[in-house]
Amino acid sequence: MAYDEDLADRVRKVVPADAEVTERKMFGGLAFLLEGHMFVGVVGSELMVRIGSEATQRALALDHVREMDFTGRPAKNMIFVQPAGLDDPALERWVTAAAGYVRALPPKRPHRPARRARR
C-alpha cells in the first residue's frame, strides 16, 4: 500500500525539532519514531497516531477518528485520523500529543539480532 507523500511531508514539518526522529517503512506506510518509539505514521491517506489507551477512548468521540484496526483487531493505544480531520493545526496537535505520549515511555532498548540455535 502506498502512503500519501504530501501528508508525510506535512508531518515532517511539525515533528518535534528537539528530539531524535527517524522514519521507517512499516504497516505498508511510513512510521515516524521518536527516540526509537513509533509515535505517528502515514498509512494510505490517514494519520496513524499513538496516544495511549485513555486518550484513544476520548479521541474516538471526535469526527474523522477511528480505531486503528490494521490487523483486524483494534489497537488500544492507537487511532487513525482521516484526511478531513488533518488541517494544519489539527495535524500539529495530533503529532504533539503522540510525541508527548511516547516521551513518557521507558527508553527503548537497542534491538539485538536473534541468536541461532547451535546444532
C-alpha atoms as a PDB file:
ATOM      1  CA  MET A   1       0.000   0.000   0.000  1.00  0.00           C
ATOM      2  CA  ALA A   2       1.345   3.402  -0.923  1.00  0.00           C
ATOM      3  CA  TYR A   3       1.231   6.259   1.533  1.00  0.00           C
ATOM      4  CA  ASP A   4       0.365   9.908   0.982  1.00  0.00           C
ATOM      5  CA  GLU A   5       3.707  11.638   0.366  1.00  0.00           C
ATOM      6  CA  ASP A   6       2.162  15.089   0.873  1.00  0.00           C
ATOM      7  CA  LEU A   7       0.884  14.089   4.314  1.00  0.00           C
ATOM      8  CA  ALA A   8       4.292  12.618   5.168  1.00  0.00           C
ATOM      9  CA  ASP A   9       5.916  15.950   4.217  1.00  0.00           C
ATOM     10  CA  ARG A  10       3.414  17.835   6.374  1.00  0.00           C
ATOM     11  CA  VAL A  11       4.215  15.539   9.312  1.00  0.00           C
ATOM     12  CA  ARG A  12       7.946  16.165   8.830  1.00  0.00           C
ATOM     13  CA  LYS A  13       7.309  19.902   9.210  1.00  0.00           C
ATOM     14  CA  VAL A  14       5.630  19.510  12.619  1.00  0.00           C
ATOM     15  CA  VAL A  15       7.659  16.746  14.301  1.00  0.00           C
ATOM     16  CA  PRO A  16       9.477  17.918  17.436  1.00  0.00           C
ATOM     17  CA  ALA A  17      12.682  19.683  16.455  1.00  0.00           C
ATOM     18  CA  ASP A  18      14.282  18.928  19.816  1.00  0.00           C
ATOM     19  CA  ALA A  19      14.187  15.132  19.515  1.00  0.00           C
ATOM     20  CA  GLU A  20      15.710  12.324  17.516  1.00  0.00           C
ATOM     21  CA  VAL A  21      13.039  11.460  14.946  1.00  0.00           C
ATOM     22  CA  THR A  22      13.640   8.740  12.391  1.00  0.00           C
ATOM     23  CA  GLU A  23      11.489   7.250   9.666  1.00  0.00           C
ATOM     24  CA  ARG A  24      10.874   3.621   8.817  1.00  0.00           C
ATOM     25  CA  LYS A  25       8.610   1.935   6.314  1.00  0.00           C
ATOM     26  CA  MET A  26       6.126  -0.088   8.377  1.00  0.00           C
ATOM     27  CA  PHE A  27       2.482  -1.175   8.180  1.00  0.00           C
ATOM     28  CA  GLY A  28       2.540  -0.638   4.429  1.00  0.00           C
ATOM     29  CA  GLY A  29       3.181   3.028   5.097  1.00  0.00           C
ATOM     30  CA  LEU A  30       5.705   5.309   6.754  1.00  0.00           C
ATOM     31  CA  ALA A  31       6.244   5.347  10.519  1.00  0.00           C
ATOM     32  CA  PHE A  32       7.903   8.168  12.443  1.00  0.00           C
ATOM     33  CA  LEU A  33       9.870   7.102  15.504  1.00  0.00           C
ATOM     34  CA  LEU A  34      10.843   9.393  18.337  1.00  0.00           C
ATOM     35  CA  GLU A  35      13.901   8.091  20.160  1.00  0.00           C
ATOM     36  CA  GLY A  36      13.068   4.609  18.891  1.00  0.00           C
ATOM     37  CA  HIS A  37       9.338   4.617  19.715  1.00  0.00           C
ATOM     38  CA  MET A  38       6.796   4.754  16.884  1.00  0.00           C
ATOM     39  CA  PHE A  39       4.546   7.746  17.557  1.00  0.00           C
ATOM     40  CA  VAL A  40       2.833   8.634  14.274  1.00  0.00           C
ATOM     41  CA  GLY A  41       2.657   7.196  10.811  1.00  0.00           C
ATOM     42  CA  VAL A  42       1.093   7.657   7.424  1.00  0.00           C
ATOM     43  CA  VAL A  43      -0.898   4.692   6.129  1.00  0.00           C
ATOM     44  CA  GLY A  44      -2.576   5.398   2.825  1.00  0.00           C
ATOM     45  CA  SER A  45      -4.073   8.860   3.291  1.00  0.00           C
ATOM     46  CA  GLU A  46      -4.634   8.532   7.040  1.00  0.00           C
ATOM     47  CA  LEU A  47      -2.523   9.523  10.020  1.00  0.00           C
ATOM     48  CA  MET A  48      -1.806   6.738  12.487  1.00  0.00           C
ATOM     49  CA  VAL A  49      -1.431   8.205  15.988  1.00  0.00           C
ATOM     50  CA  ARG A  50      -0.130   6.519  19.166  1.00  0.00           C
ATOM     51  CA  ILE A  51      -1.616   8.346  22.150  1.00  0.00           C
ATOM     52  CA  GLY A  52      -2.303   5.725  24.808  1.00  0.00           C
ATOM     53  CA  SER A  53      -5.498   3.934  25.763  1.00  0.00           C
ATOM     54  CA  GLU A  54      -7.212   6.707  27.752  1.00  0.00           C
ATOM     55  CA  ALA A  55      -6.583   9.375  25.121  1.00  0.00           C
ATOM     56  CA  THR A  56      -7.646   6.906  22.425  1.00  0.00           C
ATOM     57  CA  GLN A  57     -11.040   6.454  24.073  1.00  0.00           C
ATOM     58  CA  ARG A  58     -11.541  10.233  24.203  1.00  0.00           C
ATOM     59  CA  ALA A  59     -10.371  10.694  20.611  1.00  0.00           C
ATOM     60  CA  LEU A  60     -12.819   8.126  19.262  1.00  0.00           C
ATOM     61  CA  ALA A  61     -15.653  10.525  20.118  1.00  0.00           C
ATOM     62  CA  LEU A  62     -14.229  13.066  17.639  1.00  0.00           C
ATOM     63  CA  ASP A  63     -15.150  13.386  13.982  1.00  0.00           C
ATOM     64  CA  HIS A  64     -12.779  11.790  11.451  1.00  0.00           C
ATOM     65  CA  VAL A  65     -11.184   9.476  14.045  1.00  0.00           C
ATOM     66  CA  ARG A  66     -11.484   5.701  14.026  1.00  0.00           C
ATOM     67  CA  GLU A  67      -9.900   2.744  15.755  1.00  0.00           C
ATOM     68  CA  MET A  68      -6.631   1.536  14.387  1.00  0.00           C
ATOM     69  CA  ASP A  69      -7.544  -1.948  13.272  1.00  0.00           C
ATOM     70  CA  PHE A  70      -4.687  -2.735  10.955  1.00  0.00           C
ATOM     71  CA  THR A  71      -4.570  -6.430  11.864  1.00  0.00           C
ATOM     72  CA  GLY A  72      -8.343  -6.843  12.196  1.00  0.00           C
ATOM     73  CA  ARG A  73      -8.184  -6.249  15.953  1.00  0.00           C
ATOM     74  CA  PRO A  74      -8.382  -2.735  17.404  1.00  0.00           C
ATOM     75  CA  ALA A  75      -5.169  -1.415  18.929  1.00  0.00           C
ATOM     76  CA  LYS A  76      -5.946   0.062  22.343  1.00  0.00           C
ATOM     77  CA  ASN A  77      -3.221   2.727  22.163  1.00  0.00           C
ATOM     78  CA  MET A  78      -3.644   3.917  18.586  1.00  0.00           C
ATOM     79  CA  ILE A  79      -6.077   5.593  16.224  1.00  0.00           C
ATOM     80  CA  PHE A  80      -6.376   6.564  12.586  1.00  0.00           C
ATOM     81  CA  VAL A  81      -7.298  10.140  11.694  1.00  0.00           C
ATOM     82  CA  GLN A  82      -8.910  10.553   8.297  1.00  0.00           C
ATOM     83  CA  PRO A  83      -7.755  13.303   5.903  1.00  0.00           C
ATOM     84  CA  ALA A  84     -10.778  15.512   6.670  1.00  0.00           C
ATOM     85  CA  GLY A  85      -9.521  15.788  10.262  1.00  0.00           C
ATOM     86  CA  LEU A  86      -5.988  16.806   9.365  1.00  0.00           C
ATOM     87  CA  ASP A  87      -5.946  20.515   8.692  1.00  0.00           C
ATOM     88  CA  ASP A  88      -2.592  22.023   9.699  1.00  0.00           C
ATOM     89  CA  PRO A  89      -3.468  22.959  13.302  1.00  0.00           C
ATOM     90  CA  ALA A  90      -5.107  19.558  13.917  1.00  0.00           C
ATOM     91  CA  LEU A  91      -2.159  17.689  12.401  1.00  0.00           C
ATOM     92  CA  GLU A  92       0.248  19.516  14.681  1.00  0.00           C
ATOM     93  CA  ARG A  93      -1.948  18.756  17.736  1.00  0.00           C
ATOM     94  CA  TRP A  94      -2.031  15.036  16.902  1.00  0.00           C
ATOM     95  CA  VAL A  95       1.738  14.862  16.334  1.00  0.00           C
ATOM     96  CA  THR A  96       2.414  16.803  19.548  1.00  0.00           C
ATOM     97  CA  ALA A  97       0.074  14.565  21.569  1.00  0.00           C
ATOM     98  CA  ALA A  98       1.714  11.414  20.198  1.00  0.00           C
ATOM     99  CA  ALA A  99       5.212  12.753  20.904  1.00  0.00           C
ATOM    100  CA  GLY A 100       4.182  13.577  24.469  1.00  0.00           C
ATOM    101  CA  TYR A 101       2.838  10.064  24.974  1.00  0.00           C
ATOM    102  CA  VAL A 102       5.966   8.256  23.761  1.00  0.00           C
ATOM    103  CA  ARG A 103       8.287  10.584  25.674  1.00  0.00           C
ATOM    104  CA  ALA A 104       6.696   9.209  28.848  1.00  0.00           C
ATOM    105  CA  LEU A 105       7.525   5.608  27.860  1.00  0.00           C
ATOM    106  CA  PRO A 106      10.652   3.873  29.176  1.00  0.00           C
ATOM    107  CA  PRO A 107      13.714   4.279  26.946  1.00  0.00           C
ATOM    108  CA  LYS A 108      13.804   1.888  24.022  1.00  0.00           C
ATOM    109  CA  ARG A 109      16.406  -0.826  24.424  1.00  0.00           C
ATOM    110  CA  PRO A 110      18.685  -1.491  21.461  1.00  0.00           C
ATOM    111  CA  HIS A 111      17.448  -4.279  19.228  1.00  0.00           C
ATOM    112  CA  ARG A 112      19.697  -7.315  19.167  1.00  0.00           C
ATOM    113  CA  PRO A 113      19.561  -9.839  16.357  1.00  0.00           C
ATOM    114  CA  ALA A 114      18.133 -13.237  17.293  1.00  0.00           C
ATOM    115  CA  ARG A 115      20.666 -15.933  18.067  1.00  0.00           C
ATOM    116  CA  ARG A 116      20.743 -19.059  16.008  1.00  0.00           C
ATOM    117  CA  ALA A 117      20.421 -22.332  17.817  1.00  0.00           C
ATOM    118  CA  ARG A 118      23.586 -24.424  17.779  1.00  0.00           C
ATOM    119  CA  ARG A 119      23.334 -27.944  16.499  1.00  0.00           C
END
